[in-house]
C-alpha atoms as a PDB file:
ATOM      1  CA  MET A   1     -38.498   3.263   2.473  1.00  0.00           C
ATOM      2  CA  GLY A   2     -37.929  -0.429   2.991  1.00  0.00           C
ATOM      3  CA  GLU A   3     -37.236  -0.980  -0.685  1.00  0.00           C
ATOM      4  CA  PRO A   4     -34.391  -3.251  -1.845  1.00  0.00           C
ATOM      5  CA  LEU A   5     -31.529  -1.557  -3.639  1.00  0.00           C
ATOM      6  CA  ASP A   6     -31.362  -2.111  -7.389  1.00  0.00           C
ATOM      7  CA  THR A   7     -28.459  -4.411  -8.203  1.00  0.00           C
ATOM      8  CA  THR A   8     -29.583  -4.777 -11.844  1.00  0.00           C
ATOM      9  CA  PRO A   9     -31.827  -7.704 -12.893  1.00  0.00           C
ATOM     10  CA  SER A  10     -29.070  -9.595 -14.660  1.00  0.00           C
ATOM     11  CA  ALA A  11     -26.972  -9.648 -11.514  1.00  0.00           C
ATOM     12  CA  SER A  12     -29.695 -10.193  -8.936  1.00  0.00           C
ATOM     13  CA  GLU A  13     -28.662 -13.789  -8.414  1.00  0.00           C
ATOM     14  CA  PRO A  14     -25.200 -15.056  -7.464  1.00  0.00           C
ATOM     15  CA  SER A  15     -23.028 -16.094 -10.381  1.00  0.00           C
ATOM     16  CA  GLN A  16     -22.911 -19.755 -11.316  1.00  0.00           C
ATOM     17  CA  ASP A  17     -19.352 -20.243 -10.043  1.00  0.00           C
ATOM     18  CA  VAL A  18     -20.304 -19.137  -6.509  1.00  0.00           C
ATOM     19  CA  PRO A  19     -21.920 -21.868  -4.374  1.00  0.00           C
ATOM     20  CA  LEU A  20     -25.217 -20.663  -2.915  1.00  0.00           C
ATOM     21  CA  ASP A  21     -24.280 -21.549   0.647  1.00  0.00           C
ATOM     22  CA  GLY A  22     -20.505 -21.735   0.273  1.00  0.00           C
ATOM     23  CA  GLU A  23     -17.552 -19.408   0.470  1.00  0.00           C
ATOM     24  CA  PRO A  24     -16.797 -17.691  -2.871  1.00  0.00           C
ATOM     25  CA  ALA A  25     -13.685 -18.999  -4.592  1.00  0.00           C
ATOM     26  CA  ASP A  26     -13.272 -16.132  -7.066  1.00  0.00           C
ATOM     27  CA  PHE A  27     -12.802 -12.675  -5.552  1.00  0.00           C
ATOM     28  CA  PHE A  28     -10.462  -9.704  -5.384  1.00  0.00           C
ATOM     29  CA  GLN A  29      -9.163  -8.158  -2.192  1.00  0.00           C
ATOM     30  CA  VAL A  30      -9.916  -4.575  -1.137  1.00  0.00           C
ATOM     31  CA  GLY A  31      -7.450  -3.332   1.465  1.00  0.00           C
ATOM     32  CA  THR A  32      -5.350  -5.856   3.358  1.00  0.00           C
ATOM     33  CA  GLU A  33      -6.310  -9.307   4.560  1.00  0.00           C
ATOM     34  CA  ASP A  34      -6.558 -10.052   8.281  1.00  0.00           C
ATOM     35  CA  THR A  35      -6.301 -13.782   8.903  1.00  0.00           C
ATOM     36  CA  THR A  36      -7.465 -13.377  12.516  1.00  0.00           C
ATOM     37  CA  SER A  37     -10.894 -11.920  11.620  1.00  0.00           C
ATOM     38  CA  CYS A  38     -14.001 -13.093   9.803  1.00  0.00           C
ATOM     39  CA  ARG A  39     -13.595 -12.959   6.009  1.00  0.00           C
ATOM     40  CA  ILE A  40     -16.156 -10.497   4.625  1.00  0.00           C
ATOM     41  CA  TYR A  41     -17.415 -10.948   1.032  1.00  0.00           C
ATOM     42  CA  LEU A  42     -19.441  -8.227  -0.702  1.00  0.00           C
ATOM     43  CA  ARG A  43     -21.276  -9.075  -3.930  1.00  0.00           C
ATOM     44  CA  TYR A  44     -20.009  -6.872  -6.763  1.00  0.00           C
ATOM     45  CA  PRO A  45     -23.417  -5.677  -8.074  1.00  0.00           C
ATOM     46  CA  LEU A  46     -24.344  -4.712  -4.509  1.00  0.00           C
ATOM     47  CA  PHE A  47     -20.997  -2.939  -4.069  1.00  0.00           C
ATOM     48  CA  ARG A  48     -21.826  -0.786  -7.113  1.00  0.00           C
ATOM     49  CA  ALA A  49     -25.456  -0.329  -6.023  1.00  0.00           C
ATOM     50  CA  LEU A  50     -24.432   0.945  -2.583  1.00  0.00           C
ATOM     51  CA  ASP A  51     -22.072   3.462  -4.186  1.00  0.00           C
ATOM     52  CA  ASP A  52     -24.836   4.670  -6.522  1.00  0.00           C
ATOM     53  CA  PHE A  53     -27.335   4.821  -3.670  1.00  0.00           C
ATOM     54  CA  ALA A  54     -24.973   6.934  -1.541  1.00  0.00           C
ATOM     55  CA  LEU A  55     -24.354   9.321  -4.462  1.00  0.00           C
ATOM     56  CA  ARG A  56     -28.037   9.979  -5.121  1.00  0.00           C
ATOM     57  CA  ASP A  57     -28.321  12.287  -2.129  1.00  0.00           C
ATOM     58  CA  THR A  58     -25.183  13.576  -0.391  1.00  0.00           C
ATOM     59  CA  SER A  59     -27.063  16.238   1.563  1.00  0.00           C
ATOM     60  CA  ARG A  60     -28.053  13.744   4.250  1.00  0.00           C
ATOM     61  CA  GLU A  61     -27.046  10.420   5.757  1.00  0.00           C
ATOM     62  CA  GLN A  62     -28.855   7.256   4.648  1.00  0.00           C
ATOM     63  CA  ALA A  63     -28.913   3.742   6.031  1.00  0.00           C
ATOM     64  CA  GLY A  64     -30.305   0.273   5.548  1.00  0.00           C
ATOM     65  CA  MET A  65     -30.022  -3.429   6.298  1.00  0.00           C
ATOM     66  CA  LEU A  66     -27.449  -5.822   4.889  1.00  0.00           C
ATOM     67  CA  LEU A  67     -28.628  -9.345   4.094  1.00  0.00           C
ATOM     68  CA  GLY A  68     -26.587 -12.426   3.389  1.00  0.00           C
ATOM     69  CA  ARG A  69     -25.255 -15.767   4.531  1.00  0.00           C
ATOM     70  CA  ARG A  70     -22.498 -16.889   6.887  1.00  0.00           C
ATOM     71  CA  SER A  71     -20.594 -19.965   7.887  1.00  0.00           C
ATOM     72  CA  GLU A  72     -21.692 -21.704  11.058  1.00  0.00           C
ATOM     73  CA  GLN A  73     -18.184 -21.367  12.479  1.00  0.00           C
ATOM     74  CA  GLY A  74     -18.136 -17.616  11.810  1.00  0.00           C
ATOM     75  CA  LEU A  75     -15.118 -17.876   9.487  1.00  0.00           C
ATOM     76  CA  TRP A  76     -16.711 -15.960   6.600  1.00  0.00           C
ATOM     77  CA  LEU A  77     -19.674 -13.737   5.805  1.00  0.00           C
ATOM     78  CA  LYS A  78     -21.365 -13.033   2.445  1.00  0.00           C
ATOM     79  CA  VAL A  79     -23.243  -9.751   1.981  1.00  0.00           C
ATOM     80  CA  GLU A  80     -25.673 -10.330  -0.898  1.00  0.00           C
ATOM     81  CA  GLU A  81     -28.568  -7.861  -0.642  1.00  0.00           C
ATOM     82  CA  ALA A  82     -29.391  -4.518   0.989  1.00  0.00           C
ATOM     83  CA  LEU A  83     -32.608  -2.881   2.082  1.00  0.00           C
ATOM     84  CA  ASP A  84     -33.126   0.871   2.453  1.00  0.00           C
ATOM     85  CA  VAL A  85     -34.416   1.791   5.946  1.00  0.00           C
ATOM     86  CA  ALA A  86     -35.423   5.307   7.010  1.00  0.00           C
ATOM     87  CA  LEU A  87     -33.545   7.099   9.779  1.00  0.00           C
ATOM     88  CA  GLU A  88     -35.149   9.400  12.306  1.00  0.00           C
ATOM     89  CA  GLU A  89     -34.900  13.039  11.270  1.00  0.00           C
ATOM     90  CA  GLY A  90     -31.566  14.538  12.370  1.00  0.00           C
ATOM     91  CA  ALA A  91     -30.458  11.404  14.236  1.00  0.00           C
ATOM     92  CA  THR A  92     -28.522   8.223  13.600  1.00  0.00           C
ATOM     93  CA  ARG A  93     -31.395   5.942  14.613  1.00  0.00           C
ATOM     94  CA  PHE A  94     -33.935   3.865  12.716  1.00  0.00           C
ATOM     95  CA  SER A  95     -37.541   4.831  13.235  1.00  0.00           C
ATOM     96  CA  GLU A  96     -39.491   2.021  14.896  1.00  0.00           C
ATOM     97  CA  ARG A  97     -42.026   1.892  12.059  1.00  0.00           C
ATOM     98  CA  SER A  98     -39.450   1.653   9.265  1.00  0.00           C
ATOM     99  CA  TRP A  99     -37.429  -0.921  11.205  1.00  0.00           C
ATOM    100  CA  GLN A 100     -40.381  -3.260  11.728  1.00  0.00           C
ATOM    101  CA  ARG A 101     -41.458  -2.853   8.093  1.00  0.00           C
ATOM    102  CA  ALA A 102     -37.959  -3.693   6.883  1.00  0.00           C
ATOM    103  CA  ARG A 103     -37.894  -6.874   8.963  1.00  0.00           C
ATOM    104  CA  ARG A 104     -41.217  -7.960   7.421  1.00  0.00           C
ATOM    105  CA  VAL A 105     -39.827  -7.322   3.943  1.00  0.00           C
ATOM    106  CA  VAL A 106     -36.772  -9.450   4.753  1.00  0.00           C
ATOM    107  CA  ARG A 107     -38.908 -12.363   5.952  1.00  0.00           C
ATOM    108  CA  HIS A 108     -41.175 -12.327   2.880  1.00  0.00           C
ATOM    109  CA  ARG A 109     -38.777 -11.442   0.047  1.00  0.00           C
ATOM    110  CA  HIS A 110     -35.561 -13.032   1.260  1.00  0.00           C
ATOM    111  CA  PRO A 111     -36.472 -16.094   3.349  1.00  0.00           C
ATOM    112  CA  GLY A 112     -33.104 -17.697   2.633  1.00  0.00           C
ATOM    113  CA  LEU A 113     -31.098 -14.733   3.901  1.00  0.00           C
ATOM    114  CA  GLU A 114     -30.562 -13.255   7.332  1.00  0.00           C
ATOM    115  CA  VAL A 115     -29.721  -9.772   8.563  1.00  0.00           C
ATOM    116  CA  VAL A 116     -25.911  -9.741   8.687  1.00  0.00           C
ATOM    117  CA  GLY A 117     -25.603  -6.047   9.570  1.00  0.00           C
ATOM    118  CA  TRP A 118     -26.381  -2.599   8.205  1.00  0.00           C
ATOM    119  CA  PHE A 119     -24.913   0.144   6.067  1.00  0.00           C
ATOM    120  CA  HIS A 120     -24.666   3.899   6.647  1.00  0.00           C
ATOM    121  CA  THR A 121     -23.625   6.684   4.279  1.00  0.00           C
ATOM    122  CA  HIS A 122     -21.180   9.370   5.471  1.00  0.00           C
ATOM    123  CA  PRO A 123     -21.185  12.094   2.778  1.00  0.00           C
ATOM    124  CA  GLY A 124     -17.971  14.063   3.229  1.00  0.00           C
ATOM    125  CA  THR A 125     -17.123  12.763   6.715  1.00  0.00           C
ATOM    126  CA  GLY A 126     -15.011   9.662   6.078  1.00  0.00           C
ATOM    127  CA  ALA A 127     -15.669   6.046   7.054  1.00  0.00           C
ATOM    128  CA  ASP A 128     -14.941   6.284  10.786  1.00  0.00           C
ATOM    129  CA  LEU A 129     -17.836   5.757  13.176  1.00  0.00           C
ATOM    130  CA  SER A 130     -19.521   8.119  15.600  1.00  0.00           C
ATOM    131  CA  SER A 131     -20.546   7.196  19.138  1.00  0.00           C
ATOM    132  CA  ASP A 132     -24.204   7.155  17.987  1.00  0.00           C
ATOM    133  CA  GLU A 133     -23.447   4.538  15.348  1.00  0.00           C
ATOM    134  CA  ILE A 134     -21.506   2.400  17.811  1.00  0.00           C
ATOM    135  CA  SER A 135     -24.386   2.656  20.291  1.00  0.00           C
ATOM    136  CA  LEU A 136     -26.999   1.719  17.660  1.00  0.00           C
ATOM    137  CA  HIS A 137     -24.940  -1.235  16.465  1.00  0.00           C
ATOM    138  CA  GLY A 138     -24.593  -2.443  20.048  1.00  0.00           C
ATOM    139  CA  GLU A 139     -28.375  -2.318  20.512  1.00  0.00           C
ATOM    140  CA  LEU A 140     -29.631  -3.887  17.261  1.00  0.00           C
ATOM    141  CA  PHE A 141     -26.735  -5.922  15.854  1.00  0.00           C
ATOM    142  CA  THR A 142     -25.348  -7.848  18.804  1.00  0.00           C
ATOM    143  CA  GLU A 143     -24.345 -11.053  17.017  1.00  0.00           C
ATOM    144  CA  PRO A 144     -20.544 -11.412  16.743  1.00  0.00           C
ATOM    145  CA  TRP A 145     -20.795 -11.793  12.935  1.00  0.00           C
ATOM    146  CA  GLN A 146     -22.994  -8.728  12.279  1.00  0.00           C
ATOM    147  CA  VAL A 147     -21.155  -5.869  10.561  1.00  0.00           C
ATOM    148  CA  LEU A 148     -21.513  -2.191   9.668  1.00  0.00           C
ATOM    149  CA  TYR A 149     -20.544  -0.932   6.205  1.00  0.00           C
ATOM    150  CA  ALA A 150     -19.765   2.811   6.055  1.00  0.00           C
ATOM    151  CA  VAL A 151     -19.703   4.565   2.662  1.00  0.00           C
ATOM    152  CA  ASP A 152     -18.491   8.112   1.972  1.00  0.00           C
ATOM    153  CA  PRO A 153     -19.489   8.959  -1.631  1.00  0.00           C
ATOM    154  CA  VAL A 154     -17.706  12.338  -1.532  1.00  0.00           C
ATOM    155  CA  LEU A 155     -14.289  11.161  -0.321  1.00  0.00           C
ATOM    156  CA  ARG A 156     -14.756   7.750  -2.027  1.00  0.00           C
ATOM    157  CA  GLU A 157     -14.006   5.922   1.201  1.00  0.00           C
ATOM    158  CA  ARG A 158     -15.549   2.604   2.255  1.00  0.00           C
ATOM    159  CA  ALA A 159     -14.976   0.351   5.257  1.00  0.00           C
ATOM    160  CA  PHE A 160     -16.543  -2.545   7.112  1.00  0.00           C
ATOM    161  CA  HIS A 161     -16.645  -2.504  10.912  1.00  0.00           C
ATOM    162  CA  LEU A 162     -17.016  -5.714  12.892  1.00  0.00           C
ATOM    163  CA  TRP A 163     -17.076  -6.986  16.441  1.00  0.00           C
ATOM    164  CA  ARG A 164     -13.763  -7.918  18.029  1.00  0.00           C
ATOM    165  CA  ASP A 165     -14.385  -9.058  21.584  1.00  0.00           C
ATOM    166  CA  ALA A 166     -16.548  -6.224  22.960  1.00  0.00           C
ATOM    167  CA  ASP A 167     -15.293  -3.489  20.620  1.00  0.00           C
ATOM    168  CA  LEU A 168     -16.497  -2.438  17.175  1.00  0.00           C
ATOM    169  CA  VAL A 169     -13.326  -2.106  15.090  1.00  0.00           C
ATOM    170  CA  ARG A 170     -12.578  -1.213  11.492  1.00  0.00           C
ATOM    171  CA  ALA A 171     -11.737  -4.173   9.263  1.00  0.00           C
ATOM    172  CA  SER A 172      -8.426  -3.915   7.444  1.00  0.00           C
ATOM    173  CA  GLY A 173     -10.105  -5.005   4.212  1.00  0.00           C
ATOM    174  CA  PHE A 174     -12.839  -7.055   2.553  1.00  0.00           C
ATOM    175  CA  ARG A 175     -13.377  -9.185  -0.559  1.00  0.00           C
ATOM    176  CA  ILE A 176     -15.572  -8.492  -3.585  1.00  0.00           C
ATOM    177  CA  TYR A 177     -16.997 -11.487  -5.460  1.00  0.00           C
ATOM    178  CA  GLY A 178     -19.383 -12.113  -8.341  1.00  0.00           C
ATOM    179  CA  LYS A 179     -17.518  -9.807 -10.715  1.00  0.00           C
ATOM    180  CA  GLU A 180     -17.133 -11.167 -14.246  1.00  0.00           C
ATOM    181  CA  GLU A 181     -15.659  -8.059 -15.875  1.00  0.00           C
ATOM    182  CA  GLU A 182     -13.251  -5.316 -14.914  1.00  0.00           C
ATOM    183  CA  PRO A 183     -14.965  -2.667 -12.782  1.00  0.00           C
ATOM    184  CA  MET A 184     -16.475   0.144 -14.843  1.00  0.00           C
ATOM    185  CA  LYS A 185     -15.410   3.701 -14.188  1.00  0.00           C
ATOM    186  CA  VAL A 186     -17.978   5.538 -12.146  1.00  0.00           C
ATOM    187  CA  ALA A 187     -19.428   8.457 -14.100  1.00  0.00           C
ATOM    188  CA  ASP A 188     -17.608  11.676 -13.293  1.00  0.00           C
ATOM    189  CA  ARG A 189     -20.162  13.917 -11.727  1.00  0.00           C
ATOM    190  CA  GLU A 190     -19.732  16.396  -8.924  1.00  0.00           C
ATOM    191  CA  PRO A 191     -21.837  15.263  -5.969  1.00  0.00           C
ATOM    192  CA  SER A 192     -23.789  17.860  -4.046  1.00  0.00           C
ATOM    193  CA  ARG A 193     -21.808  19.213  -1.104  1.00  0.00           C
ATOM    194  CA  PRO A 194     -22.753  18.310   2.453  1.00  0.00           C
ATOM    195  CA  ASP A 195     -25.003  20.795   4.219  1.00  0.00           C
ATOM    196  CA  GLU A 196     -24.268  22.510   7.544  1.00  0.00           C
ATOM    197  CA  HIS A 197     -25.647  19.589   9.543  1.00  0.00           C
ATOM    198  CA  LEU A 198     -23.241  17.171   7.894  1.00  0.00           C
ATOM    199  CA  ARG A 199     -20.325  19.525   8.419  1.00  0.00           C
ATOM    200  CA  GLU A 200     -21.177  19.532  12.118  1.00  0.00           C
ATOM    201  CA  ARG A 201     -21.277  15.729  12.042  1.00  0.00           C
ATOM    202  CA  TYR A 202     -17.842  15.738  10.429  1.00  0.00           C
ATOM    203  CA  VAL A 203     -16.488  17.927  13.245  1.00  0.00           C
ATOM    204  CA  GLU A 204     -18.100  15.642  15.831  1.00  0.00           C
ATOM    205  CA  ARG A 205     -16.567  12.535  14.256  1.00  0.00           C
ATOM    206  CA  SER A 206     -13.165  14.212  14.036  1.00  0.00           C
ATOM    207  CA  LEU A 207     -13.281  15.159  17.721  1.00  0.00           C
ATOM    208  CA  GLU A 208     -14.372  11.659  18.708  1.00  0.00           C
ATOM    209  CA  LYS A 209     -11.551  10.172  16.660  1.00  0.00           C
ATOM    210  CA  LEU A 210      -9.014  12.453  18.364  1.00  0.00           C
ATOM    211  CA  GLN A 211     -10.396  11.531  21.776  1.00  0.00           C
ATOM    212  CA  ARG A 212     -10.073   7.827  20.988  1.00  0.00           C
ATOM    213  CA  LEU A 213      -6.489   8.374  19.849  1.00  0.00           C
ATOM    214  CA  VAL A 214      -5.683  10.229  23.076  1.00  0.00           C
ATOM    215  CA  ARG A 215      -7.256   7.517  25.234  1.00  0.00           C
ATOM    216  CA  HIS A 216      -5.814   4.644  23.223  1.00  0.00           C
ATOM    217  CA  PRO A 217      -2.875   5.899  21.159  1.00  0.00           C
ATOM    218  CA  PRO A 218      -1.949   3.458  18.393  1.00  0.00           C
ATOM    219  CA  VAL A 219       1.313   1.578  18.815  1.00  0.00           C
ATOM    220  CA  ARG A 220       3.306   1.699  15.595  1.00  0.00           C
ATOM    221  CA  MET A 221       6.025  -0.682  14.490  1.00  0.00           C
ATOM    222  CA  VAL A 222       8.653   2.023  14.982  1.00  0.00           C
ATOM    223  CA  ASP A 223       7.621   2.224  18.659  1.00  0.00           C
ATOM    224  CA  TYR A 224       8.360  -1.479  19.115  1.00  0.00           C
ATOM    225  CA  VAL A 225      11.738  -1.006  17.415  1.00  0.00           C
ATOM    226  CA  LEU A 226      12.656   1.898  19.709  1.00  0.00           C
ATOM    227  CA  ILE A 227      11.640  -0.070  22.808  1.00  0.00           C
ATOM    228  CA  ALA A 228      13.714  -3.052  21.655  1.00  0.00           C
ATOM    229  CA  LEU A 229      16.753  -0.820  21.054  1.00  0.00           C
ATOM    230  CA  LEU A 230      16.419   0.774  24.502  1.00  0.00           C
ATOM    231  CA  VAL A 231      16.174  -2.620  26.203  1.00  0.00           C
ATOM    232  CA  LEU A 232      19.166  -3.901  24.228  1.00  0.00           C
ATOM    233  CA  ASN A 233      21.223  -0.841  25.167  1.00  0.00           C
ATOM    234  CA  LEU A 234      20.337  -1.308  28.841  1.00  0.00           C
ATOM    235  CA  LEU A 235      21.372  -4.972  28.744  1.00  0.00           C
ATOM    236  CA  VAL A 236      24.684  -4.053  27.121  1.00  0.00           C
ATOM    237  CA  LEU A 237      25.393  -1.497  29.856  1.00  0.00           C
ATOM    238  CA  LEU A 238      24.479  -3.946  32.621  1.00  0.00           C
ATOM    239  CA  PHE A 239      26.423  -6.963  31.399  1.00  0.00           C
ATOM    240  CA  ARG A 240      29.387  -5.358  29.657  1.00  0.00           C
ATOM    241  CA  PRO A 241      32.651  -6.317  31.527  1.00  0.00           C
ATOM    242  CA  ALA A 242      34.453  -3.458  33.230  1.00  0.00           C
ATOM    243  CA  PRO A 243      37.602  -2.370  31.346  1.00  0.00           C
ATOM    244  CA  SER A 244      40.906  -3.392  32.982  1.00  0.00           C
ATOM    245  CA  VAL A 245      42.889  -0.522  34.537  1.00  0.00           C
ATOM    246  CA  GLN A 246      46.679  -0.570  34.075  1.00  0.00           C
ATOM    247  CA  LEU A 247      48.789   1.716  36.291  1.00  0.00           C
ATOM    248  CA  ASP A 248      52.343   2.812  35.487  1.00  0.00           C
ATOM    249  CA  ASP A 249      54.028   2.063  38.893  1.00  0.00           C
ATOM    250  CA  LYS A 250      57.513   3.068  37.736  1.00  0.00           C
ATOM    251  CA  LYS A 251      56.806   6.765  38.172  1.00  0.00           C
ATOM    252  CA  LEU A 252      55.056   6.042  41.462  1.00  0.00           C
ATOM    253  CA  LEU A 253      58.066   4.075  42.788  1.00  0.00           C
ATOM    254  CA  ALA A 254      60.496   6.753  41.554  1.00  0.00           C
ATOM    255  CA  SER A 255      58.518   9.440  43.365  1.00  0.00           C
ATOM    256  CA  GLN A 256      58.452   7.307  46.504  1.00  0.00           C
ATOM    257  CA  ALA A 257      62.253   6.793  46.376  1.00  0.00           C
ATOM    258  CA  GLN A 258      62.825  10.523  45.888  1.00  0.00           C
ATOM    259  CA  LEU A 259      60.586  11.286  48.862  1.00  0.00           C
ATOM    260  CA  THR A 260      62.476   8.770  51.024  1.00  0.00           C
ATOM    261  CA  SER A 261      65.799  10.329  50.008  1.00  0.00           C
ATOM    262  CA  ASP A 262      64.554  13.817  50.846  1.00  0.00           C
ATOM    263  CA  VAL A 263      63.315  12.653  54.259  1.00  0.00           C
ATOM    264  CA  GLU A 264      66.649  10.982  55.045  1.00  0.00           C
ATOM    265  CA  ASP A 265      68.549  14.124  53.951  1.00  0.00           C
ATOM    266  CA  LEU A 266      66.341  16.264  56.175  1.00  0.00           C
ATOM    267  CA  ALA A 267      66.900  13.915  59.126  1.00  0.00           C
ATOM    268  CA  SER A 268      70.675  14.103  58.596  1.00  0.00           C
ATOM    269  CA  ARG A 269      70.579  17.900  58.585  1.00  0.00           C
ATOM    270  CA  MET A 270      68.460  17.966  61.734  1.00  0.00           C
ATOM    271  CA  LYS A 271      70.990  15.709  63.468  1.00  0.00           C
ATOM    272  CA  LYS A 272      73.874  17.981  62.488  1.00  0.00           C
ATOM    273  CA  LEU A 273      71.902  21.006  63.687  1.00  0.00           C
ATOM    274  CA  GLU A 274      71.292  19.380  67.055  1.00  0.00           C
ATOM    275  CA  GLU A 275      75.014  18.546  67.400  1.00  0.00           C
ATOM    276  CA  HIS A 276      75.925  22.145  66.530  1.00  0.00           C
ATOM    277  CA  LEU A 277      73.520  23.525  69.137  1.00  0.00           C
ATOM    278  CA  ALA A 278      74.936  21.153  71.774  1.00  0.00           C
ATOM    279  CA  ALA A 279      78.490  22.384  71.047  1.00  0.00           C
ATOM    280  CA  ILE A 280      77.391  26.015  71.444  1.00  0.00           C
ATOM    281  CA  ARG A 281      75.831  25.279  74.843  1.00  0.00           C
ATOM    282  CA  MET A 282      79.077  23.669  76.024  1.00  0.00           C
ATOM    283  CA  LEU A 283      81.072  26.794  75.078  1.00  0.00           C
ATOM    284  CA  ASP A 284      78.670  29.025  76.997  1.00  0.00           C
ATOM    285  CA  GLU A 285      79.154  26.999  80.161  1.00  0.00           C
END
């Protein structure tokens, strides 16, 4: 281990139209661009080499260092070379011996480059990270510009992960530079299927992803729209003027007049009854 990945001799150096220490001007975008994050550039021959490296053995996970250059302001990052580094058996950790050897190789073979992150293959498990990977990145790659490139050669999924404040988040996209021709079609060959250990890792990653979603459910655009509609509806109910009430008082007055007439008629009859009773008492006397 500790050997650089083969990016083909003819493409081992940056193309003439890419400044050695500058931001590439010619590139194509993979995914979507996020103007709030560091712009990540991956050299095309290395992009192909990492895919080929991941396909060579899909029965286990592999990893290595990423080397490159960056702007002093942290606005962009160029990933130019990669170095294979052995992992501990059955774990997502570099062995101490292979890690120290890889750092010596970087110092001697690539004095003009620095370690800008690492890569990790995920055969058949997607490009999301496990808690072990996040922990390792937090221990060895603490600089805000150091990244993790995850490659799944089975599902053909690739993603960079970078620091955002204190969290390691998935980049929405990245840029590929140094490509002079249209990308060649990767040879159609059926990769070997992941073994039982990798299937267990896939289940672990899936469970961790579900747990993260439960703890921090993503807020979609439709959620913001629904909240805005609810607030608008509440404001309409609160500030809408009350409708004017119009009463038909003609019927009310007619009923009142009828009631008055009935009361007066009853009073007249009571008076006549009292007079009649008084006349009867006089006859009895």
